[in-house]
N, C-alpha and C. Protein backbone atom coordinates (compact mmCIF):
# COMPACT_ATOMS: atom_id res chain seq x y z
N MET A 1 30.62 -21.12 8.14
CA MET A 1 29.46 -21.98 7.87
C MET A 1 28.93 -21.58 6.47
N ASP A 2 28.82 -23.48 5.56
CA ASP A 2 28.49 -23.03 4.28
C ASP A 2 27.59 -23.30 4.15
N THR A 3 26.46 -22.24 3.73
CA THR A 3 25.29 -22.15 3.02
C THR A 3 24.98 -22.21 1.99
N GLU A 4 25.74 -22.85 0.64
CA GLU A 4 25.48 -23.47 -0.60
C GLU A 4 24.44 -24.40 -0.72
N ALA A 5 23.18 -23.78 -1.40
CA ALA A 5 22.26 -24.72 -1.53
C ALA A 5 22.68 -25.34 -2.81
N PRO A 6 23.20 -26.79 -3.02
CA PRO A 6 23.54 -27.15 -4.27
C PRO A 6 22.36 -27.46 -4.98
N ARG A 7 22.81 -27.61 -6.45
CA ARG A 7 21.62 -27.84 -7.07
C ARG A 7 22.04 -29.45 -7.40
N THR A 8 20.44 -29.90 -7.43
CA THR A 8 20.32 -31.10 -7.65
C THR A 8 20.05 -31.45 -9.10
N ARG A 9 18.85 -30.71 -9.56
CA ARG A 9 18.60 -31.52 -10.90
C ARG A 9 18.19 -29.73 -11.53
N THR A 10 18.36 -29.53 -13.00
CA THR A 10 18.16 -29.04 -13.75
C THR A 10 17.25 -29.26 -14.95
N ASP A 11 16.08 -28.56 -15.48
CA ASP A 11 15.17 -28.98 -16.29
C ASP A 11 15.17 -27.77 -17.17
N LYS A 12 15.04 -27.72 -18.28
CA LYS A 12 15.04 -26.77 -19.63
C LYS A 12 13.40 -26.73 -19.52
N ALA A 13 12.71 -25.75 -19.22
CA ALA A 13 11.19 -25.30 -19.15
C ALA A 13 10.72 -24.82 -20.63
N TYR A 14 11.62 -23.48 -21.06
CA TYR A 14 11.27 -23.08 -22.19
C TYR A 14 12.43 -22.69 -23.12
N THR A 15 12.02 -22.50 -24.25
CA THR A 15 13.85 -22.35 -24.58
C THR A 15 12.95 -21.39 -26.47
N ASP A 16 13.35 -20.30 -26.44
CA ASP A 16 12.69 -19.22 -27.46
C ASP A 16 12.82 -19.45 -28.90
N ALA A 17 12.00 -19.54 -29.62
CA ALA A 17 11.99 -19.82 -31.17
C ALA A 17 13.25 -19.46 -31.77
N ASP A 18 14.54 -18.81 -31.22
CA ASP A 18 15.86 -18.16 -32.24
C ASP A 18 16.65 -19.73 -31.06
N GLY A 19 15.78 -20.86 -30.54
CA GLY A 19 17.10 -21.87 -29.81
C GLY A 19 17.61 -21.38 -28.55
N GLY A 20 17.46 -20.22 -28.20
CA GLY A 20 17.79 -19.76 -26.83
C GLY A 20 18.10 -18.49 -26.93
N ARG A 21 18.67 -18.00 -28.09
CA ARG A 21 19.48 -16.74 -28.25
C ARG A 21 18.66 -15.90 -27.40
N TRP A 22 18.07 -15.29 -27.40
CA TRP A 22 17.06 -14.44 -26.19
C TRP A 22 16.55 -14.87 -24.90
N CYS A 23 16.00 -15.73 -24.67
CA CYS A 23 15.47 -16.47 -23.59
C CYS A 23 15.36 -18.01 -23.71
N GLU A 24 15.92 -18.18 -21.99
CA GLU A 24 15.71 -20.21 -22.17
C GLU A 24 14.87 -19.68 -20.66
N VAL A 25 13.99 -20.55 -20.09
CA VAL A 25 13.74 -20.50 -18.58
C VAL A 25 14.25 -22.02 -18.18
N TYR A 26 14.49 -22.09 -16.99
CA TYR A 26 15.21 -23.43 -16.45
C TYR A 26 14.48 -23.53 -14.81
N LEU A 27 14.59 -24.67 -14.86
CA LEU A 27 13.70 -25.01 -13.42
C LEU A 27 14.66 -25.99 -12.69
N ASP A 28 15.46 -25.30 -11.41
CA ASP A 28 16.53 -25.89 -10.59
C ASP A 28 15.72 -26.32 -9.47
N THR A 29 16.30 -27.64 -9.56
CA THR A 29 15.79 -28.54 -7.76
C THR A 29 17.07 -27.83 -7.02
N TYR A 30 16.63 -27.72 -5.59
CA TYR A 30 18.31 -27.68 -4.66
C TYR A 30 18.00 -28.35 -3.58
N ARG A 31 19.11 -28.67 -2.59
CA ARG A 31 19.01 -29.13 -1.55
C ARG A 31 18.93 -27.66 -0.59
N LEU A 32 18.15 -27.42 -0.03
CA LEU A 32 18.48 -26.64 1.22
C LEU A 32 19.33 -27.16 2.14
N PRO A 33 19.92 -25.76 3.31
CA PRO A 33 20.50 -26.71 4.34
C PRO A 33 19.63 -27.09 5.07
N SER A 34 18.27 -27.16 5.33
CA SER A 34 17.40 -28.03 6.11
C SER A 34 17.41 -29.64 5.25
N GLY A 35 17.74 -29.52 4.30
CA GLY A 35 17.22 -31.07 3.82
C GLY A 35 16.37 -31.23 3.02
N ALA A 36 15.41 -30.14 3.10
CA ALA A 36 14.23 -30.09 2.00
C ALA A 36 15.01 -29.70 0.69
N GLU A 37 13.85 -30.14 -0.33
CA GLU A 37 14.30 -29.71 -1.62
C GLU A 37 13.50 -28.61 -1.92
N THR A 38 13.98 -27.52 -2.96
CA THR A 38 12.68 -26.77 -3.58
C THR A 38 13.31 -26.49 -5.22
N VAL A 39 12.32 -26.16 -5.79
CA VAL A 39 12.41 -25.59 -7.29
C VAL A 39 12.26 -24.37 -7.70
N ARG A 40 13.24 -23.74 -8.21
CA ARG A 40 13.31 -22.38 -8.27
C ARG A 40 13.52 -22.30 -9.91
N HIS A 41 12.83 -21.03 -10.22
CA HIS A 41 12.80 -20.63 -11.78
C HIS A 41 14.45 -20.12 -12.27
N ARG A 42 14.98 -19.64 -13.35
CA ARG A 42 15.98 -18.93 -13.44
C ARG A 42 15.82 -19.10 -15.05
N VAL A 43 16.50 -17.73 -15.52
CA VAL A 43 15.86 -17.05 -16.66
C VAL A 43 17.29 -16.64 -17.12
N ARG A 44 17.98 -16.98 -18.43
CA ARG A 44 19.02 -17.12 -19.13
C ARG A 44 18.22 -15.98 -20.06
N VAL A 45 18.83 -14.73 -20.19
CA VAL A 45 18.64 -13.74 -21.45
C VAL A 45 20.03 -13.52 -22.27
N GLY A 46 19.73 -13.20 -23.38
CA GLY A 46 20.40 -13.43 -24.42
C GLY A 46 21.65 -14.06 -24.50
N GLY A 47 21.37 -15.57 -24.50
CA GLY A 47 22.35 -16.31 -24.59
C GLY A 47 23.28 -16.68 -22.98
N GLY A 48 23.16 -15.65 -22.12
CA GLY A 48 23.53 -15.80 -20.88
C GLY A 48 25.02 -14.79 -20.99
N ARG A 49 25.10 -14.32 -22.21
CA ARG A 49 26.01 -12.92 -22.40
C ARG A 49 25.72 -11.58 -21.29
N THR A 50 26.87 -10.88 -20.92
CA THR A 50 26.54 -10.06 -19.90
C THR A 50 25.52 -8.95 -20.54
N GLY A 51 24.74 -8.32 -20.09
CA GLY A 51 23.78 -7.43 -20.58
C GLY A 51 24.55 -6.02 -20.53
N VAL A 52 24.03 -5.02 -20.99
CA VAL A 52 24.46 -3.72 -20.62
C VAL A 52 23.75 -2.94 -20.42
N VAL A 53 23.79 -1.96 -19.38
CA VAL A 53 23.21 -0.48 -19.09
C VAL A 53 24.00 0.82 -19.23
N VAL A 54 23.20 1.60 -20.04
CA VAL A 54 23.87 2.90 -20.79
C VAL A 54 23.82 3.61 -19.53
N LEU A 55 24.68 4.35 -18.82
CA LEU A 55 24.72 5.59 -18.31
C LEU A 55 25.36 6.65 -19.52
N ALA A 56 24.74 7.47 -20.17
CA ALA A 56 24.92 8.29 -20.87
C ALA A 56 24.75 9.90 -20.19
N ARG A 57 26.48 10.67 -20.46
CA ARG A 57 26.02 11.53 -19.16
C ARG A 57 26.49 13.01 -20.56
N ARG A 58 25.88 13.88 -20.30
CA ARG A 58 26.50 15.06 -21.22
C ARG A 58 26.52 15.94 -20.01
N GLY A 59 27.50 16.44 -19.58
CA GLY A 59 27.88 16.91 -18.49
C GLY A 59 27.09 16.06 -17.40
N ASP A 60 26.41 16.88 -16.90
CA ASP A 60 25.88 16.23 -15.75
C ASP A 60 24.46 15.63 -15.67
N ASP A 61 24.10 15.99 -16.72
CA ASP A 61 22.55 15.27 -17.09
C ASP A 61 23.15 13.96 -17.65
N ILE A 62 21.68 13.09 -17.22
CA ILE A 62 21.73 11.37 -17.33
C ILE A 62 20.62 11.66 -18.79
N LEU A 63 20.69 10.73 -19.71
CA LEU A 63 19.79 10.23 -20.80
C LEU A 63 18.99 8.94 -20.35
N LEU A 64 17.72 9.48 -20.12
CA LEU A 64 16.42 8.31 -19.78
C LEU A 64 15.87 8.48 -21.46
N VAL A 65 14.74 6.97 -21.50
CA VAL A 65 14.56 6.75 -22.84
C VAL A 65 13.24 6.31 -22.29
N ARG A 66 11.74 6.37 -23.04
CA ARG A 66 10.82 6.08 -22.03
C ARG A 66 10.23 4.76 -23.70
N GLN A 67 9.36 4.00 -22.79
CA GLN A 67 9.25 2.99 -23.48
C GLN A 67 8.19 1.95 -22.65
N TRP A 68 7.38 1.12 -23.08
CA TRP A 68 5.86 0.39 -22.68
C TRP A 68 6.58 -0.93 -21.96
N ARG A 69 6.48 -1.28 -20.83
CA ARG A 69 6.82 -2.20 -20.40
C ARG A 69 5.71 -3.37 -20.14
N PRO A 70 5.28 -4.26 -21.14
CA PRO A 70 3.80 -5.05 -20.93
C PRO A 70 4.03 -5.81 -19.64
N THR A 71 5.37 -5.83 -18.67
CA THR A 71 5.39 -7.10 -17.60
C THR A 71 4.80 -6.05 -16.77
N VAL A 72 5.21 -4.83 -16.55
CA VAL A 72 4.11 -4.47 -15.58
C VAL A 72 3.12 -2.89 -16.20
N GLY A 73 2.76 -3.68 -17.29
CA GLY A 73 1.29 -2.85 -18.02
C GLY A 73 1.60 -1.14 -17.34
N ARG A 74 2.85 -0.49 -17.89
CA ARG A 74 2.97 1.15 -17.84
C ARG A 74 3.80 1.35 -19.24
N TRP A 75 4.45 2.64 -18.75
CA TRP A 75 5.17 3.03 -19.69
C TRP A 75 6.42 3.31 -18.70
N ALA A 76 7.91 3.14 -19.12
CA ALA A 76 8.63 4.02 -17.86
C ALA A 76 10.04 4.60 -18.54
N TRP A 77 10.09 5.60 -17.79
CA TRP A 77 11.52 6.14 -18.19
C TRP A 77 12.47 5.63 -17.68
N GLU A 78 13.90 5.01 -18.50
CA GLU A 78 15.09 4.18 -18.12
C GLU A 78 16.03 4.30 -19.03
N LEU A 79 17.19 3.83 -18.17
CA LEU A 79 18.21 4.27 -19.25
C LEU A 79 18.37 3.31 -20.16
N PRO A 80 18.97 3.49 -21.23
CA PRO A 80 18.84 2.63 -22.10
C PRO A 80 19.42 1.47 -21.54
N ARG A 81 19.18 0.16 -22.55
CA ARG A 81 19.76 -1.24 -22.22
C ARG A 81 19.53 -2.01 -23.14
N GLY A 82 20.22 -3.25 -22.79
CA GLY A 82 20.15 -4.44 -23.88
C GLY A 82 21.07 -5.11 -23.60
N PHE A 83 20.87 -6.67 -24.33
CA PHE A 83 21.41 -7.58 -24.73
C PHE A 83 22.45 -7.79 -24.88
N GLY A 84 23.74 -8.31 -24.43
CA GLY A 84 25.09 -8.57 -24.81
C GLY A 84 25.15 -9.02 -25.98
N GLU A 85 25.88 -8.86 -26.78
CA GLU A 85 26.82 -9.08 -27.98
C GLU A 85 27.84 -9.43 -28.14
N THR A 86 28.96 -8.12 -27.87
CA THR A 86 30.12 -8.95 -28.26
C THR A 86 30.82 -8.61 -26.79
N ASP A 87 30.94 -6.92 -26.35
CA ASP A 87 31.85 -7.01 -25.17
C ASP A 87 30.89 -5.79 -24.58
N PRO A 88 30.66 -5.48 -23.20
CA PRO A 88 30.30 -4.14 -22.43
C PRO A 88 30.19 -2.90 -23.25
N VAL A 89 31.46 -2.87 -23.31
CA VAL A 89 31.72 -0.96 -23.62
C VAL A 89 31.18 -0.93 -25.53
N SER A 90 31.80 -1.94 -26.45
CA SER A 90 30.78 -1.79 -27.48
C SER A 90 29.45 -2.09 -27.60
N ASP A 91 29.02 -2.95 -26.78
CA ASP A 91 27.41 -2.99 -26.53
C ASP A 91 27.29 -1.59 -26.57
N ALA A 92 27.10 -1.11 -25.19
CA ALA A 92 26.60 0.27 -24.98
C ALA A 92 26.62 1.46 -25.92
N LEU A 93 27.60 1.36 -26.88
CA LEU A 93 27.61 2.33 -27.58
C LEU A 93 27.28 1.95 -28.70
N ARG A 94 26.85 0.72 -29.19
CA ARG A 94 25.80 0.67 -30.18
C ARG A 94 24.31 0.55 -29.55
N GLU A 95 24.01 -0.12 -28.33
CA GLU A 95 22.56 0.34 -27.71
C GLU A 95 22.32 1.56 -27.78
N LEU A 96 23.21 2.90 -27.45
CA LEU A 96 23.02 4.31 -27.68
C LEU A 96 22.69 5.01 -28.46
N VAL A 97 23.06 4.22 -30.04
CA VAL A 97 22.71 4.72 -31.07
C VAL A 97 21.78 4.17 -32.00
N GLU A 98 21.17 2.82 -31.01
CA GLU A 98 20.00 2.38 -31.83
C GLU A 98 18.81 2.73 -31.37
N GLU A 99 19.33 3.29 -29.75
CA GLU A 99 17.47 3.80 -28.88
C GLU A 99 17.69 5.08 -29.07
N THR A 100 18.56 5.78 -29.70
CA THR A 100 18.68 7.48 -29.63
C THR A 100 19.30 8.20 -30.68
N GLY A 101 19.89 7.20 -31.49
CA GLY A 101 20.76 8.21 -32.41
C GLY A 101 22.15 8.83 -31.95
N LEU A 102 22.12 8.76 -30.83
CA LEU A 102 23.62 9.93 -30.51
C LEU A 102 24.86 8.48 -30.30
N VAL A 103 26.07 9.15 -30.38
CA VAL A 103 26.94 8.78 -30.92
C VAL A 103 27.79 8.90 -29.43
N GLY A 104 28.28 8.03 -28.97
CA GLY A 104 29.11 8.25 -27.52
C GLY A 104 30.36 7.94 -27.84
N SER A 105 31.40 8.55 -26.72
CA SER A 105 32.28 8.20 -26.33
C SER A 105 33.08 8.15 -24.83
N ALA A 106 34.57 7.78 -25.19
CA ALA A 106 35.02 7.56 -23.71
C ALA A 106 34.04 6.51 -22.63
N ALA A 107 33.73 5.55 -23.33
CA ALA A 107 33.04 4.68 -22.49
C ALA A 107 33.45 3.90 -21.47
N VAL A 108 33.34 3.36 -20.71
CA VAL A 108 34.05 2.57 -19.42
C VAL A 108 33.05 2.07 -18.75
N ALA A 109 33.37 0.28 -18.46
CA ALA A 109 32.34 0.00 -17.81
C ALA A 109 32.78 0.19 -16.10
N LEU A 110 31.70 0.80 -15.43
CA LEU A 110 31.92 1.37 -13.87
C LEU A 110 31.30 -0.01 -13.02
N ALA A 111 30.11 -0.78 -13.20
CA ALA A 111 29.82 -2.18 -12.70
C ALA A 111 29.27 -3.08 -13.30
N TYR A 112 29.62 -4.46 -12.44
CA TYR A 112 28.75 -5.35 -12.78
C TYR A 112 27.63 -5.57 -12.00
N LEU A 113 26.39 -5.73 -12.86
CA LEU A 113 25.43 -6.02 -11.24
C LEU A 113 24.53 -7.44 -11.87
N ASP A 114 23.59 -7.94 -10.92
CA ASP A 114 23.28 -8.73 -10.83
C ASP A 114 21.56 -8.28 -10.21
N VAL A 115 21.13 -7.76 -10.94
CA VAL A 115 20.03 -7.12 -11.20
C VAL A 115 18.86 -7.64 -10.50
N ASP A 116 18.43 -9.08 -10.72
CA ASP A 116 17.62 -9.82 -10.13
C ASP A 116 18.20 -11.11 -10.06
N SER A 117 18.60 -11.58 -8.77
CA SER A 117 19.42 -12.52 -8.26
C SER A 117 18.85 -13.88 -8.06
N GLY A 118 17.13 -13.89 -8.07
CA GLY A 118 16.24 -14.20 -7.90
C GLY A 118 15.97 -15.24 -9.05
N LEU A 119 15.89 -14.35 -10.05
CA LEU A 119 15.43 -15.00 -11.16
C LEU A 119 16.04 -14.79 -12.88
N LEU A 120 17.10 -14.03 -12.79
CA LEU A 120 17.88 -13.55 -14.25
C LEU A 120 19.60 -13.94 -13.53
N GLU A 121 19.81 -14.82 -14.78
CA GLU A 121 21.18 -15.69 -14.33
C GLU A 121 22.35 -14.74 -15.13
N SER A 122 21.84 -13.84 -15.97
CA SER A 122 22.75 -13.14 -16.54
C SER A 122 23.02 -11.49 -15.89
N GLU A 123 24.59 -11.27 -15.75
CA GLU A 123 24.83 -10.28 -15.05
C GLU A 123 24.54 -9.33 -16.42
N VAL A 124 24.98 -7.54 -15.94
CA VAL A 124 24.62 -6.60 -16.50
C VAL A 124 25.69 -5.48 -16.24
N ALA A 125 26.40 -5.33 -17.14
CA ALA A 125 27.42 -4.03 -17.01
C ALA A 125 26.66 -2.86 -16.73
N VAL A 126 27.23 -1.68 -16.27
CA VAL A 126 26.72 -0.37 -16.43
C VAL A 126 28.00 0.34 -17.10
N VAL A 127 27.55 0.75 -18.13
CA VAL A 127 28.59 1.46 -18.70
C VAL A 127 28.68 2.99 -19.06
N GLU A 128 29.34 3.62 -18.45
CA GLU A 128 29.32 5.05 -18.73
C GLU A 128 29.43 5.58 -19.86
N VAL A 129 28.88 6.05 -20.81
CA VAL A 129 29.51 6.88 -21.91
C VAL A 129 29.01 8.52 -21.97
N SER A 130 30.11 9.34 -22.30
CA SER A 130 29.82 10.49 -22.91
C SER A 130 29.25 10.99 -23.78
N VAL A 131 28.83 11.67 -24.06
CA VAL A 131 27.37 12.27 -25.42
C VAL A 131 28.36 13.74 -25.73
N GLN A 132 28.71 14.23 -26.28
CA GLN A 132 29.63 15.80 -26.79
C GLN A 132 28.34 16.53 -27.33
N GLY A 133 27.77 18.02 -27.24
CA GLY A 133 27.43 18.53 -27.90
C GLY A 133 25.91 18.43 -27.46
N ASP A 134 25.13 19.16 -28.28
CA ASP A 134 23.81 19.07 -28.58
C ASP A 134 23.03 18.34 -29.47
N ALA A 135 23.61 17.21 -29.73
CA ALA A 135 23.31 16.29 -30.99
C ALA A 135 21.97 15.82 -30.57
N PRO A 136 21.06 16.04 -31.77
CA PRO A 136 19.59 15.78 -31.58
C PRO A 136 19.08 14.61 -31.31
N LEU A 137 18.20 14.11 -30.38
CA LEU A 137 17.71 13.05 -29.91
C LEU A 137 16.91 12.43 -30.99
N ARG A 138 16.78 11.23 -31.86
CA ARG A 138 16.43 10.38 -32.65
C ARG A 138 15.82 8.79 -31.72
N PRO A 139 14.76 8.93 -30.74
CA PRO A 139 14.39 8.07 -30.31
C PRO A 139 13.96 7.12 -31.27
N GLY A 140 14.54 5.65 -30.98
CA GLY A 140 13.93 4.53 -31.91
C GLY A 140 14.29 4.40 -33.42
N THR A 141 15.66 4.67 -33.53
CA THR A 141 16.29 4.70 -34.86
C THR A 141 16.34 3.60 -35.61
N LEU A 142 15.87 2.41 -34.91
CA LEU A 142 15.77 0.87 -35.72
C LEU A 142 14.73 1.00 -36.56
N ASP A 143 13.51 2.10 -35.83
CA ASP A 143 12.24 2.05 -36.61
C ASP A 143 11.21 0.96 -36.00
N ASP A 144 11.61 0.23 -34.80
CA ASP A 144 11.37 -1.11 -34.46
C ASP A 144 10.15 -0.77 -32.98
N GLY A 145 10.44 1.00 -33.37
CA GLY A 145 9.00 1.59 -32.25
C GLY A 145 8.91 1.01 -30.91
N GLU A 146 9.98 0.59 -30.49
CA GLU A 146 10.20 0.24 -29.48
C GLU A 146 10.42 1.76 -28.03
N ILE A 147 11.18 2.48 -28.74
CA ILE A 147 11.64 3.62 -27.62
C ILE A 147 10.59 4.62 -28.10
N ALA A 148 9.88 5.13 -27.32
CA ALA A 148 8.59 6.50 -27.62
C ALA A 148 9.46 8.26 -26.91
N ALA A 149 10.48 7.96 -26.64
CA ALA A 149 10.92 9.00 -26.63
C ALA A 149 12.28 9.35 -25.59
N ALA A 150 13.11 10.49 -25.97
CA ALA A 150 14.66 10.48 -25.15
C ALA A 150 14.09 11.65 -24.65
N ARG A 151 15.09 11.77 -23.44
CA ARG A 151 15.47 13.42 -22.59
C ARG A 151 16.31 13.34 -21.80
N TRP A 152 17.18 14.21 -21.52
CA TRP A 152 17.98 14.37 -20.88
C TRP A 152 17.81 15.19 -19.41
N TRP A 153 18.22 14.55 -18.50
CA TRP A 153 17.54 14.61 -16.97
C TRP A 153 18.89 14.76 -15.96
N SER A 154 18.55 16.26 -15.41
CA SER A 154 19.20 16.72 -14.42
C SER A 154 19.29 16.06 -13.29
N PRO A 155 20.25 16.27 -12.23
CA PRO A 155 20.66 15.49 -11.10
C PRO A 155 19.52 15.55 -10.63
N HIS A 156 18.81 16.74 -10.08
CA HIS A 156 17.58 17.10 -9.55
C HIS A 156 16.29 16.48 -9.79
N ASP A 157 16.12 16.81 -11.45
CA ASP A 157 15.49 16.14 -11.92
C ASP A 157 14.95 14.74 -11.61
N LEU A 158 16.04 14.16 -11.80
CA LEU A 158 16.16 12.50 -11.31
C LEU A 158 15.53 12.15 -9.90
N ALA A 159 16.42 12.69 -8.94
CA ALA A 159 16.07 12.75 -7.69
C ALA A 159 14.36 13.08 -7.58
N GLU A 160 14.26 14.13 -7.96
CA GLU A 160 12.42 14.38 -7.77
C GLU A 160 11.75 12.84 -8.22
N ALA A 161 11.61 12.42 -9.59
CA ALA A 161 11.05 11.49 -10.24
C ALA A 161 11.31 10.39 -9.59
N ILE A 162 12.49 9.55 -8.82
CA ILE A 162 12.50 8.78 -7.97
C ILE A 162 11.55 8.78 -6.34
N ARG A 163 11.98 10.27 -5.96
CA ARG A 163 11.12 10.45 -5.05
C ARG A 163 9.60 9.94 -4.50
N ALA A 164 9.41 10.66 -6.35
CA ALA A 164 7.78 10.66 -6.68
C ALA A 164 7.47 9.27 -6.97
N GLY A 165 7.90 8.40 -7.40
CA GLY A 165 7.84 7.17 -7.67
C GLY A 165 7.25 6.82 -8.95
N GLU A 166 7.86 7.69 -10.09
CA GLU A 166 7.58 8.24 -11.28
C GLU A 166 9.18 7.20 -11.95
N LEU A 167 10.15 6.91 -11.46
CA LEU A 167 11.28 6.61 -11.68
C LEU A 167 11.25 5.08 -11.11
N ARG A 168 11.09 4.26 -11.54
CA ARG A 168 11.23 3.13 -10.47
C ARG A 168 11.81 1.54 -11.07
N ASP A 169 12.33 1.73 -12.10
CA ASP A 169 12.84 0.77 -13.12
C ASP A 169 14.18 0.03 -12.34
N GLY A 170 14.20 -1.43 -11.94
CA GLY A 170 15.43 -1.71 -11.00
C GLY A 170 16.30 -1.53 -11.93
N PHE A 171 16.31 -1.60 -12.58
CA PHE A 171 18.17 -1.62 -14.04
C PHE A 171 18.59 -0.02 -13.49
N THR A 172 17.72 0.51 -13.89
CA THR A 172 18.27 1.99 -13.69
C THR A 172 18.67 2.49 -12.07
N LEU A 173 17.59 2.07 -11.52
CA LEU A 173 17.78 2.79 -10.10
C LEU A 173 19.26 2.15 -9.64
N ALA A 174 19.38 0.85 -9.72
CA ALA A 174 20.62 0.11 -9.38
C ALA A 174 21.77 0.44 -10.29
N ALA A 175 21.54 0.79 -11.21
CA ALA A 175 22.84 1.35 -12.23
C ALA A 175 23.24 3.06 -11.58
N LEU A 176 22.14 3.65 -11.24
CA LEU A 176 22.33 5.33 -11.01
C LEU A 176 23.34 5.14 -9.35
N GLY A 177 22.61 4.07 -8.49
CA GLY A 177 23.55 3.91 -7.48
C GLY A 177 24.80 3.57 -7.52
N ALA A 178 25.33 2.51 -8.98
CA ALA A 178 26.59 2.05 -8.60
C ALA A 178 27.34 2.63 -9.62
N ALA A 179 26.69 4.08 -10.32
CA ALA A 179 27.39 5.09 -10.85
C ALA A 179 28.06 5.69 -9.75
N ALA A 180 26.93 6.17 -8.45
CA ALA A 180 27.23 7.42 -7.41
C ALA A 180 28.15 7.04 -6.46
N ALA A 181 28.16 5.95 -6.16
CA ALA A 181 28.99 4.96 -5.69
C ALA A 181 30.62 4.81 -6.48
N ALA A 182 31.05 4.68 -7.55
CA ALA A 182 32.05 4.91 -8.55
C ALA A 182 32.85 6.18 -8.29
N ARG A 183 31.89 7.49 -8.62
CA ARG A 183 32.09 8.46 -8.70
C ARG A 183 32.62 8.98 -7.05
N GLY A 184 32.03 8.10 -5.80
CA GLY A 184 32.61 8.43 -4.67
C GLY A 184 31.84 9.33 -4.00
């Protein structure tokens, strides 16, 4: 049975000051299988390019960054992430440097996710990056104040933070799950 709800109309509700380079909001009208019409919001970020979530590994440890998330009104520990600009592997390596000062290697795209299929149009690539040695973390290397801290988390510490509700960012949890599935 075909359950696809065809879009019957699209209206652009918002475009950022950069002409949609970072964010556009659309109102899409759909005809549902029942015949009724409904309107839904759709957000396109980064010009519709594939975003990236960086799964930086040093041995078994995973790197998380801490930053203020005004949408939820709290500080959040999460994997580094950002808008796509070129390709997911290059974007992941760039984001890692921008957010932590670390240079990664052996980057590989593990999965592509629709992190919020009810709102966000753009997919996100989960890219695993190896970080060697004990290079010092330098959060917020662009001096934009975005990243307040960065630290390495053991698998045990990650599991404890998830159980305690301290690690709850959807991008991070989805990326960790995709990485676990990719590793078998």
